PDB file of N, CA and C in Angstrom:
ATOM      1  N   MET A   1      53.121 135.249  94.394  1.00  0.00           N
ATOM      2  CA  MET A   1      51.917 135.166  93.586  1.00  0.00           C
ATOM      3  C   MET A   1      50.880 134.246  94.208  1.00  0.00           C
ATOM      4  N   GLY A   2      49.658 134.731  94.348  1.00  0.00           N
ATOM      5  CA  GLY A   2      48.650 133.902  95.046  1.00  0.00           C
ATOM      6  C   GLY A   2      47.981 133.063  94.022  1.00  0.00           C
ATOM      7  N   PRO A   3      47.110 132.259  94.356  1.00  0.00           N
ATOM      8  CA  PRO A   3      46.117 131.456  93.420  1.00  0.00           C
ATOM      9  C   PRO A   3      45.406 132.381  92.610  1.00  0.00           C
ATOM     10  N   GLY A   4      45.390 132.130  91.363  1.00  0.00           N
ATOM     11  CA  GLY A   4      44.533 132.802  90.434  1.00  0.00           C
ATOM     12  C   GLY A   4      45.280 134.034  89.805  1.00  0.00           C
ATOM     13  N   SER A   5      46.548 134.304  90.267  1.00  0.00           N
ATOM     14  CA  SER A   5      47.348 135.488  89.947  1.00  0.00           C
ATOM     15  C   SER A   5      47.800 135.297  88.308  1.00  0.00           C
ATOM     16  N   ILE A   6      47.950 134.061  87.986  1.00  0.00           N
ATOM     17  CA  ILE A   6      48.427 133.613  86.751  1.00  0.00           C
ATOM     18  C   ILE A   6      47.252 133.981  85.809  1.00  0.00           C
ATOM     19  N   SER A   7      45.960 133.472  86.138  1.00  0.00           N
ATOM     20  CA  SER A   7      44.776 133.570  85.085  1.00  0.00           C
ATOM     21  C   SER A   7      44.483 135.236  85.319  1.00  0.00           C
ATOM     22  N   ALA A   8      44.809 135.824  86.055  1.00  0.00           N
ATOM     23  CA  ALA A   8      44.249 137.199  86.243  1.00  0.00           C
ATOM     24  C   ALA A   8      44.885 138.036  85.124  1.00  0.00           C
ATOM     25  N   ARG A   9      45.931 137.531  84.524  1.00  0.00           N
ATOM     26  CA  ARG A   9      46.664 138.297  83.471  1.00  0.00           C
ATOM     27  C   ARG A   9      46.137 137.614  82.164  1.00  0.00           C
ATOM     28  N   THR A  10      45.322 136.911  81.947  1.00  0.00           N
ATOM     29  CA  THR A  10      44.876 136.310  80.558  1.00  0.00           C
ATOM     30  C   THR A  10      43.947 137.452  80.102  1.00  0.00           C
ATOM     31  N   ARG A  11      44.320 137.726  78.798  1.00  0.00           N
ATOM     32  CA  ARG A  11      43.617 138.711  78.025  1.00  0.00           C
ATOM     33  C   ARG A  11      43.110 138.128  76.552  1.00  0.00           C
ATOM     34  N   THR A  12      41.976 138.908  76.313  1.00  0.00           N
ATOM     35  CA  THR A  12      41.516 138.505  74.866  1.00  0.00           C
ATOM     36  C   THR A  12      42.278 139.047  73.862  1.00  0.00           C
ATOM     37  N   ARG A  13      41.825 138.859  72.614  1.00  0.00           N
ATOM     38  CA  ARG A  13      42.574 139.415  71.331  1.00  0.00           C
ATOM     39  C   ARG A  13      42.660 141.102  71.425  1.00  0.00           C
ATOM     40  N   THR A  14      41.496 141.477  72.047  1.00  0.00           N
ATOM     41  CA  THR A  14      41.459 142.991  72.018  1.00  0.00           C
ATOM     42  C   THR A  14      42.129 143.466  73.187  1.00  0.00           C
ATOM     43  N   GLY A  15      42.549 142.844  74.089  1.00  0.00           N
ATOM     44  CA  GLY A  15      43.549 143.269  75.211  1.00  0.00           C
ATOM     45  C   GLY A  15      42.674 143.338  76.390  1.00  0.00           C
ATOM     46  N   ASP A  16      41.429 142.954  76.304  1.00  0.00           N
ATOM     47  CA  ASP A  16      40.412 143.065  77.485  1.00  0.00           C
ATOM     48  C   ASP A  16      40.734 141.676  78.454  1.00  0.00           C
ATOM     49  N   GLN A  17      40.437 141.917  79.648  1.00  0.00           N
ATOM     50  CA  GLN A  17      40.434 140.736  80.531  1.00  0.00           C
ATOM     51  C   GLN A  17      39.425 139.899  80.047  1.00  0.00           C
ATOM     52  N   CYS A  18      39.899 138.459  80.248  1.00  0.00           N
ATOM     53  CA  CYS A  18      38.836 137.439  79.811  1.00  0.00           C
ATOM     54  C   CYS A  18      37.649 137.471  80.792  1.00  0.00           C
ATOM     55  N   ALA A  19      36.604 136.928  80.650  1.00  0.00           N
ATOM     56  CA  ALA A  19      35.341 136.715  81.328  1.00  0.00           C
ATOM     57  C   ALA A  19      35.527 136.051  82.653  1.00  0.00           C
ATOM     58  N   THR A  20      36.214 135.021  82.316  1.00  0.00           N
ATOM     59  CA  THR A  20      36.758 134.235  83.743  1.00  0.00           C
ATOM     60  C   THR A  20      37.480 135.126  84.588  1.00  0.00           C
ATOM     61  N   CYS A  21      38.520 135.658  84.217  1.00  0.00           N
ATOM     62  CA  CYS A  21      39.375 136.584  85.313  1.00  0.00           C
ATOM     63  C   CYS A  21      38.340 137.733  85.666  1.00  0.00           C
ATOM     64  N   GLN A  22      37.569 138.291  84.955  1.00  0.00           N
ATOM     65  CA  GLN A  22      36.613 139.331  85.560  1.00  0.00           C
ATOM     66  C   GLN A  22      35.712 138.848  86.729  1.00  0.00           C
ATOM     67  N   ASP A  23      35.253 137.443  86.384  1.00  0.00           N
ATOM     68  CA  ASP A  23      34.508 136.810  87.528  1.00  0.00           C
ATOM     69  C   ASP A  23      35.165 136.662  88.612  1.00  0.00           C
ATOM     70  N   GLN A  24      36.605 136.259  88.661  1.00  0.00           N
ATOM     71  CA  GLN A  24      37.447 135.909  89.669  1.00  0.00           C
ATOM     72  C   GLN A  24      37.799 137.234  90.506  1.00  0.00           C
ATOM     73  N   ALA A  25      37.887 138.323  89.622  1.00  0.00           N
ATOM     74  CA  ALA A  25      38.370 139.605  90.317  1.00  0.00           C
ATOM     75  C   ALA A  25      37.016 140.002  91.108  1.00  0.00           C
ATOM     76  N   ARG A  26      35.938 139.988  90.482  1.00  0.00           N
ATOM     77  CA  ARG A  26      34.632 140.399  91.179  1.00  0.00           C
ATOM     78  C   ARG A  26      34.441 139.590  92.348  1.00  0.00           C
ATOM     79  N   ASN A  27      34.429 138.236  92.289  1.00  0.00           N
ATOM     80  CA  ASN A  27      34.199 137.264  93.569  1.00  0.00           C
ATOM     81  C   ASN A  27      35.182 137.545  94.584  1.00  0.00           C
ATOM     82  N   ALA A  28      36.700 137.859  94.266  1.00  0.00           N
ATOM     83  CA  ALA A  28      37.690 138.011  95.311  1.00  0.00           C
ATOM     84  C   ALA A  28      37.239 139.341  95.992  1.00  0.00           C
ATOM     85  N   ARG A  29      36.707 140.363  95.094  1.00  0.00           N
ATOM     86  CA  ARG A  29      36.413 141.741  95.905  1.00  0.00           C
ATOM     87  C   ARG A  29      35.244 141.472  96.807  1.00  0.00           C
ATOM     88  N   LEU A  30      34.242 140.763  96.408  1.00  0.00           N
ATOM     89  CA  LEU A  30      33.074 140.466  97.245  1.00  0.00           C
ATOM     90  C   LEU A  30      33.569 139.727  98.484  1.00  0.00           C
ATOM     91  N   ASP A  31      34.402 138.706  98.400  1.00  0.00           N
ATOM     92  CA  ASP A  31      34.890 137.929  99.465  1.00  0.00           C
ATOM     93  C   ASP A  31      35.618 138.618 100.651  1.00  0.00           C
ATOM     94  N   ALA A  32      36.421 139.510 100.046  1.00  0.00           N
ATOM     95  CA  ALA A  32      37.260 140.504 101.051  1.00  0.00           C
ATOM     96  C   ALA A  32      36.350 141.575 101.557  1.00  0.00           C
ATOM     97  N   ALA A  33      35.436 141.975 100.964  1.00  0.00           N
ATOM     98  CA  ALA A  33      34.445 142.973 101.498  1.00  0.00           C
ATOM     99  C   ALA A  33      33.290 142.606 102.314  1.00  0.00           C
ATOM    100  N   LEU A  34      32.743 141.328 101.973  1.00  0.00           N
ATOM    101  CA  LEU A  34      31.657 140.845 102.637  1.00  0.00           C
ATOM    102  C   LEU A  34      31.926 139.417 103.208  1.00  0.00           C
ATOM    103  N   PRO A  35      33.009 139.191 104.177  1.00  0.00           N
ATOM    104  CA  PRO A  35      33.277 137.982 104.537  1.00  0.00           C
ATOM    105  C   PRO A  35      32.150 137.240 105.284  1.00  0.00           C
ATOM    106  N   VAL A  36      32.014 135.828 105.083  1.00  0.00           N
ATOM    107  CA  VAL A  36      31.031 135.129 105.797  1.00  0.00           C
ATOM    108  C   VAL A  36      31.602 133.816 106.493  1.00  0.00           C
ATOM    109  N   THR A  37      31.177 133.673 107.762  1.00  0.00           N
ATOM    110  CA  THR A  37      31.713 132.482 108.456  1.00  0.00           C
ATOM    111  C   THR A  37      30.490 131.616 108.715  1.00  0.00           C
ATOM    112  N   PRO A  38      30.390 130.519 107.908  1.00  0.00           N
ATOM    113  CA  PRO A  38      29.163 129.614 108.069  1.00  0.00           C
ATOM    114  C   PRO A  38      29.138 129.087 109.445  1.00  0.00           C
ATOM    115  N   THR A  39      27.958 128.516 109.892  1.00  0.00           N
ATOM    116  CA  THR A  39      27.607 127.801 111.012  1.00  0.00           C
ATOM    117  C   THR A  39      27.338 126.371 110.702  1.00  0.00           C
ATOM    118  N   THR A  40      27.713 125.658 111.620  1.00  0.00           N
ATOM    119  CA  THR A  40      27.475 124.086 111.409  1.00  0.00           C
ATOM    120  C   THR A  40      25.952 123.683 111.924  1.00  0.00           C
ATOM    121  N   ASP A  41      25.385 124.533 112.829  1.00  0.00           N
ATOM    122  CA  ASP A  41      24.168 124.085 113.567  1.00  0.00           C
ATOM    123  C   ASP A  41      22.917 124.577 112.616  1.00  0.00           C
ATOM    124  N   GLY A  42      23.029 125.171 111.367  1.00  0.00           N
ATOM    125  CA  GLY A  42      21.655 125.226 110.739  1.00  0.00           C
ATOM    126  C   GLY A  42      21.124 126.848 111.088  1.00  0.00           C
ATOM    127  N   THR A  43      22.000 127.504 111.768  1.00  0.00           N
ATOM    128  CA  THR A  43      21.452 128.980 112.153  1.00  0.00           C
ATOM    129  C   THR A  43      22.098 129.790 111.185  1.00  0.00           C
ATOM    130  N   CYS A  44      21.494 131.138 111.047  1.00  0.00           N
ATOM    131  CA  CYS A  44      22.247 132.152 110.319  1.00  0.00           C
ATOM    132  C   CYS A  44      23.205 132.614 110.875  1.00  0.00           C
ATOM    133  N   PRO A  45      24.432 132.793 110.183  1.00  0.00           N
ATOM    134  CA  PRO A  45      25.718 133.395 110.898  1.00  0.00           C
ATOM    135  C   PRO A  45      25.505 134.825 110.952  1.00  0.00           C
ATOM    136  N   GLY A  46      24.533 135.427 110.396  1.00  0.00           N
ATOM    137  CA  GLY A  46      24.041 136.994 110.303  1.00  0.00           C
ATOM    138  C   GLY A  46      25.130 137.734 109.268  1.00  0.00           C
ATOM    139  N   HIS A  47      24.685 138.855 108.713  1.00  0.00           N
ATOM    140  CA  HIS A  47      25.282 139.529 107.791  1.00  0.00           C
ATOM    141  C   HIS A  47      26.332 140.500 108.357  1.00  0.00           C
ATOM    142  N   THR A  48      26.040 141.129 109.284  1.00  0.00           N
ATOM    143  CA  THR A  48      27.163 142.103 109.913  1.00  0.00           C
ATOM    144  C   THR A  48      27.223 141.845 111.389  1.00  0.00           C
ATOM    145  N   SER A  49      26.372 140.982 111.919  1.00  0.00           N
ATOM    146  CA  SER A  49      26.702 140.543 113.432  1.00  0.00           C
ATOM    147  C   SER A  49      25.909 139.290 113.564  1.00  0.00           C
ATOM    148  N   PRO A  50      26.303 138.485 114.455  1.00  0.00           N
ATOM    149  CA  PRO A  50      25.632 137.084 114.712  1.00  0.00           C
ATOM    150  C   PRO A  50      24.142 137.354 114.661  1.00  0.00           C
ATOM    151  N   CYS A  51      23.302 136.353 114.022  1.00  0.00           N
ATOM    152  CA  CYS A  51      21.890 136.426 113.957  1.00  0.00           C
ATOM    153  C   CYS A  51      21.200 135.356 114.825  1.00  0.00           C
ATOM    154  N   GLY A  52      21.540 133.967 114.430  1.00  0.00           N
ATOM    155  CA  GLY A  52      21.090 133.093 115.240  1.00  0.00           C
ATOM    156  C   GLY A  52      19.767 132.454 114.744  1.00  0.00           C
ATOM    157  N   ARG A  53      18.967 133.284 113.826  1.00  0.00           N
ATOM    158  CA  ARG A  53      17.750 132.739 113.299  1.00  0.00           C
ATOM    159  C   ARG A  53      17.960 131.534 112.532  1.00  0.00           C
ATOM    160  N   THR A  54      16.961 130.702 112.232  1.00  0.00           N
ATOM    161  CA  THR A  54      17.047 129.375 111.380  1.00  0.00           C
ATOM    162  C   THR A  54      17.376 130.086 109.937  1.00  0.00           C
ATOM    163  N   ALA A  55      18.278 129.415 109.135  1.00  0.00           N
ATOM    164  CA  ALA A  55      18.738 129.617 107.973  1.00  0.00           C
ATOM    165  C   ALA A  55      17.673 129.128 106.984  1.00  0.00           C
ATOM    166  N   MET A  56      17.627 129.705 105.859  1.00  0.00           N
ATOM    167  CA  MET A  56      16.550 129.168 104.866  1.00  0.00           C
ATOM    168  C   MET A  56      16.996 128.003 104.259  1.00  0.00           C
ATOM    169  N   PRO A  57      16.159 127.006 103.822  1.00  0.00           N
ATOM    170  CA  PRO A  57      16.539 125.769 103.437  1.00  0.00           C
ATOM    171  C   PRO A  57      17.485 126.023 102.094  1.00  0.00           C
ATOM    172  N   GLY A  58      18.663 125.490 102.154  1.00  0.00           N
ATOM    173  CA  GLY A  58      19.502 125.541 100.983  1.00  0.00           C
ATOM    174  C   GLY A  58      20.217 126.755 100.821  1.00  0.00           C
ATOM    175  N   ASP A  59      20.227 127.662 101.969  1.00  0.00           N
ATOM    176  CA  ASP A  59      20.733 128.847 101.995  1.00  0.00           C
ATOM    177  C   ASP A  59      21.635 129.105 103.127  1.00  0.00           C
ATOM    178  N   LEU A  60      22.498 130.051 103.161  1.00  0.00           N
ATOM    179  CA  LEU A  60      23.461 130.185 104.347  1.00  0.00           C
ATOM    180  C   LEU A  60      22.963 131.156 105.296  1.00  0.00           C
ATOM    181  N   TYR A  61      21.895 131.993 104.765  1.00  0.00           N
ATOM    182  CA  TYR A  61      21.389 133.163 105.613  1.00  0.00           C
ATOM    183  C   TYR A  61      19.829 132.868 106.083  1.00  0.00           C
ATOM    184  N   CYS A  62      19.203 133.619 106.760  1.00  0.00           N
ATOM    185  CA  CYS A  62      18.002 133.648 106.986  1.00  0.00           C
ATOM    186  C   CYS A  62      17.273 134.677 105.932  1.00  0.00           C
ATOM    187  N   ALA A  63      16.008 134.977 105.924  1.00  0.00           N
ATOM    188  CA  ALA A  63      15.571 135.905 104.855  1.00  0.00           C
ATOM    189  C   ALA A  63      16.103 137.296 105.146  1.00  0.00           C
ATOM    190  N   ARG A  64      16.024 137.675 106.429  1.00  0.00           N
ATOM    191  CA  ARG A  64      16.348 139.057 106.583  1.00  0.00           C
ATOM    192  C   ARG A  64      17.850 139.335 106.484  1.00  0.00           C
ATOM    193  N   CYS A  65      18.581 138.554 106.615  1.00  0.00           N
ATOM    194  CA  CYS A  65      20.060 138.604 106.407  1.00  0.00           C
ATOM    195  C   CYS A  65      20.547 138.530 104.978  1.00  0.00           C
ATOM    196  N   ARG A  66      19.619 137.607 104.193  1.00  0.00           N
ATOM    197  CA  ARG A  66      19.851 137.491 102.772  1.00  0.00           C
ATOM    198  C   ARG A  66      19.637 138.806 101.885  1.00  0.00           C
ATOM    199  N   ILE A  67      18.624 139.437 102.468  1.00  0.00           N
ATOM    200  CA  ILE A  67      18.230 140.734 101.729  1.00  0.00           C
ATOM    201  C   ILE A  67      19.421 141.812 102.060  1.00  0.00           C
ATOM    202  N   ALA A  68      19.596 141.855 103.393  1.00  0.00           N
ATOM    203  CA  ALA A  68      20.701 142.820 103.683  1.00  0.00           C
ATOM    204  C   ALA A  68      21.984 142.549 102.804  1.00  0.00           C
ATOM    205  N   SER A  69      22.546 141.095 102.892  1.00  0.00           N
ATOM    206  CA  SER A  69      23.671 140.951 102.129  1.00  0.00           C
ATOM    207  C   SER A  69      23.423 141.153 100.675  1.00  0.00           C
ATOM    208  N   GLN A  70      22.344 141.006 100.099  1.00  0.00           N
ATOM    209  CA  GLN A  70      22.184 141.383  98.719  1.00  0.00           C
ATOM    210  C   GLN A  70      22.282 142.895  98.403  1.00  0.00           C
ATOM    211  N   ARG A  71      21.783 143.573  99.326  1.00  0.00           N
ATOM    212  CA  ARG A  71      21.978 144.911  99.298  1.00  0.00           C
ATOM    213  C   ARG A  71      23.607 145.561  99.046  1.00  0.00           C
ATOM    214  N   ASP A  72      24.101 144.995 100.237  1.00  0.00           N
ATOM    215  CA  ASP A  72      25.580 145.302 100.342  1.00  0.00           C
ATOM    216  C   ASP A  72      26.444 144.631  99.260  1.00  0.00           C
ATOM    217  N   ARG A  73      26.050 143.568  98.683  1.00  0.00           N
ATOM    218  CA  ARG A  73      26.846 142.817  97.514  1.00  0.00           C
ATOM    219  C   ARG A  73      26.603 143.843  96.284  1.00  0.00           C
ATOM    220  N   ASP A  74      25.236 144.283  96.117  1.00  0.00           N
ATOM    221  CA  ASP A  74      25.249 145.343  95.109  1.00  0.00           C
ATOM    222  C   ASP A  74      25.896 146.478  95.128  1.00  0.00           C
ATOM    223  N   ARG A  75      25.967 147.166  96.277  1.00  0.00           N
ATOM    224  CA  ARG A  75      26.810 148.118  96.526  1.00  0.00           C
ATOM    225  C   ARG A  75      28.312 147.893  96.316  1.00  0.00           C
ATOM    226  N   VAL A  76      28.841 146.776  96.803  1.00  0.00           N
ATOM    227  CA  VAL A  76      30.326 146.556  96.661  1.00  0.00           C
ATOM    228  C   VAL A  76      30.430 146.401  95.125  1.00  0.00           C
ATOM    229  N   LEU A  77      29.720 145.722  94.412  1.00  0.00           N
ATOM    230  CA  LEU A  77      29.848 145.475  93.036  1.00  0.00           C
ATOM    231  C   LEU A  77      29.646 146.812  92.214  1.00  0.00           C
ATOM    232  N   ARG A  78      28.747 147.848  92.456  1.00  0.00           N
ATOM    233  CA  ARG A  78      28.894 149.202  91.864  1.00  0.00           C
ATOM    234  C   ARG A  78      30.076 149.832  92.154  1.00  0.00           C
ATOM    235  N   GLU A  79      30.612 149.953  93.406  1.00  0.00           N
ATOM    236  CA  GLU A  79      32.021 150.541  93.807  1.00  0.00           C
ATOM    237  C   GLU A  79      33.007 149.755  92.918  1.00  0.00           C
ATOM    238  N   TRP A  80      33.175 148.472  92.881  1.00  0.00           N
ATOM    239  CA  TRP A  80      34.050 147.849  92.126  1.00  0.00           C
ATOM    240  C   TRP A  80      34.145 148.197  90.703  1.00  0.00           C
ATOM    241  N   GLU A  81      32.833 148.194  90.116  1.00  0.00           N
ATOM    242  CA  GLU A  81      32.825 148.484  88.640  1.00  0.00           C
ATOM    243  C   GLU A  81      33.136 149.941  88.456  1.00  0.00           C
ATOM    244  N   THR A  82      32.950 150.804  89.208  1.00  0.00           N
ATOM    245  CA  THR A  82      33.335 152.163  89.066  1.00  0.00           C
ATOM    246  C   THR A  82      34.891 152.274  89.080  1.00  0.00           C
ATOM    247  N   VAL A  83      35.436 151.733  90.112  1.00  0.00           N
ATOM    248  CA  VAL A  83      37.051 151.732  90.124  1.00  0.00           C
ATOM    249  C   VAL A  83      37.610 150.946  88.892  1.00  0.00           C
ATOM    250  N   ARG A  84      37.021 149.812  88.448  1.00  0.00           N
ATOM    251  CA  ARG A  84      37.517 149.166  87.382  1.00  0.00           C
ATOM    252  C   ARG A  84      37.241 149.930  86.111  1.00  0.00           C
ATOM    253  N   ASP A  85      36.208 150.470  85.887  1.00  0.00           N
ATOM    254  CA  ASP A  85      35.959 151.350  84.790  1.00  0.00           C
ATOM    255  C   ASP A  85      36.986 152.535  84.683  1.00  0.00           C
ATOM    256  N   ALA A  86      37.310 153.260  85.739  1.00  0.00           N
ATOM    257  CA  ALA A  86      38.263 154.436  85.851  1.00  0.00           C
ATOM    258  C   ALA A  86      39.679 153.892  85.659  1.00  0.00           C
ATOM    259  N   ALA A  87      39.835 152.525  85.873  1.00  0.00           N
ATOM    260  CA  ALA A  87      41.383 152.141  85.610  1.00  0.00           C
ATOM    261  C   ALA A  87      41.561 151.742  84.278  1.00  0.00           C
ATOM    262  N   VAL A  88      40.507 151.298  83.704  1.00  0.00           N
ATOM    263  CA  VAL A  88      40.431 150.801  82.182  1.00  0.00           C
ATOM    264  C   VAL A  88      40.317 152.253  81.555  1.00  0.00           C
ATOM    265  N   ALA A  89      39.876 153.271  81.910  1.00  0.00           N
ATOM    266  CA  ALA A  89      39.804 154.503  81.184  1.00  0.00           C
ATOM    267  C   ALA A  89      41.158 155.144  81.118  1.00  0.00           C
ATOM    268  N   ALA A  90      41.829 155.102  82.323  1.00  0.00           N
ATOM    269  CA  ALA A  90      43.070 155.803  82.584  1.00  0.00           C
ATOM    270  C   ALA A  90      44.154 154.909  81.679  1.00  0.00           C
ATOM    271  N   ALA A  91      44.124 153.704  81.658  1.00  0.00           N
ATOM    272  CA  ALA A  91      44.964 152.806  80.841  1.00  0.00           C
ATOM    273  C   ALA A  91      44.876 153.115  79.467  1.00  0.00           C
ATOM    274  N   THR A  92      43.564 153.146  78.987  1.00  0.00           N
ATOM    275  CA  THR A  92      43.323 153.542  77.568  1.00  0.00           C
ATOM    276  C   THR A  92      43.806 154.899  77.096  1.00  0.00           C
ATOM    277  N   ALA A  93      43.720 155.781  78.118  1.00  0.00           N
ATOM    278  CA  ALA A  93      44.090 157.269  77.806  1.00  0.00           C
ATOM    279  C   ALA A  93      45.634 157.298  77.826  1.00  0.00           C
ATOM    280  N   GLN A  94      46.345 156.532  78.536  1.00  0.00           N
ATOM    281  CA  GLN A  94      47.935 156.400  78.508  1.00  0.00           C
ATOM    282  C   GLN A  94      48.354 155.760  77.261  1.00  0.00           C
ATOM    283  N   GLU A  95      47.681 154.673  76.640  1.00  0.00           N
ATOM    284  CA  GLU A  95      48.160 153.974  75.683  1.00  0.00           C
ATOM    285  C   GLU A  95      48.103 154.731  74.406  1.00  0.00           C
ATOM    286  N   GLY A  96      46.909 155.746  74.250  1.00  0.00           N
ATOM    287  CA  GLY A  96      46.849 156.612  73.021  1.00  0.00           C
ATOM    288  C   GLY A  96      46.270 155.735  71.903  1.00  0.00           C
ATOM    289  N   PRO A  97      46.161 156.314  70.700  1.00  0.00           N
ATOM    290  CA  PRO A  97      45.751 155.591  69.545  1.00  0.00           C
ATOM    291  C   PRO A  97      46.678 154.347  69.325  1.00  0.00           C
ATOM    292  N   GLN A  98      46.086 153.267  69.171  1.00  0.00           N
ATOM    293  CA  GLN A  98      46.589 152.113  68.896  1.00  0.00           C
ATOM    294  C   GLN A  98      47.093 151.800  67.377  1.00  0.00           C
ATOM    295  N   ARG A  99      46.402 152.361  66.585  1.00  0.00           N
ATOM    296  CA  ARG A  99      46.498 152.197  64.991  1.00  0.00           C
ATOM    297  C   ARG A  99      46.704 153.621  64.445  1.00  0.00           C
ATOM    298  N   ALA A 100      47.614 153.597  63.526  1.00  0.00           N
ATOM    299  CA  ALA A 100      47.765 154.810  62.759  1.00  0.00           C
ATOM    300  C   ALA A 100      46.896 154.683  61.444  1.00  0.00           C
ATOM    301  N   ALA A 101      46.604 155.892  61.029  1.00  0.00           N
ATOM    302  CA  ALA A 101      45.628 156.055  59.806  1.00  0.00           C
ATOM    303  C   ALA A 101      46.338 155.508  58.678  1.00  0.00           C
ATOM    304  N   ALA A 102      45.544 154.836  57.774  1.00  0.00           N
ATOM    305  CA  ALA A 102      46.126 154.204  56.567  1.00  0.00           C
ATOM    306  C   ALA A 102      46.412 155.534  55.789  1.00  0.00           C
ATOM    307  N   PRO A 103      47.731 155.482  55.000  1.00  0.00           N
ATOM    308  CA  PRO A 103      48.036 156.494  54.213  1.00  0.00           C
ATOM    309  C   PRO A 103      47.346 156.542  52.929  1.00  0.00           C
ATOM    310  N   PHE A 104      46.624 155.807  52.512  1.00  0.00           N
ATOM    311  CA  PHE A 104      45.710 155.872  51.381  1.00  0.00           C
ATOM    312  C   PHE A 104      44.329 155.558  51.500  1.00  0.00           C
TER     313      PHE A 104
END
């Protein structure tokens, strides 16, 4: 079991994954799909290849690489949400109705 694997099983009363666990799963997906190696000299590490431009103040990237990384981030999140929603729908369909109708 890796770090965060215990919290990833935390559920709300309705059985949904808690907000913190959802954020952790989303961030783990982003880290895996879009790895970044920071530089120590104040230059941009580049989004898909080394860039070398001066990074924006308070940011890891230059403006060009920030925009490119944001586009890729949005794409990765859309893909992740699609997979997540499909998994939730499949699990819900397998569980069937949780409550029986009241007899009266």
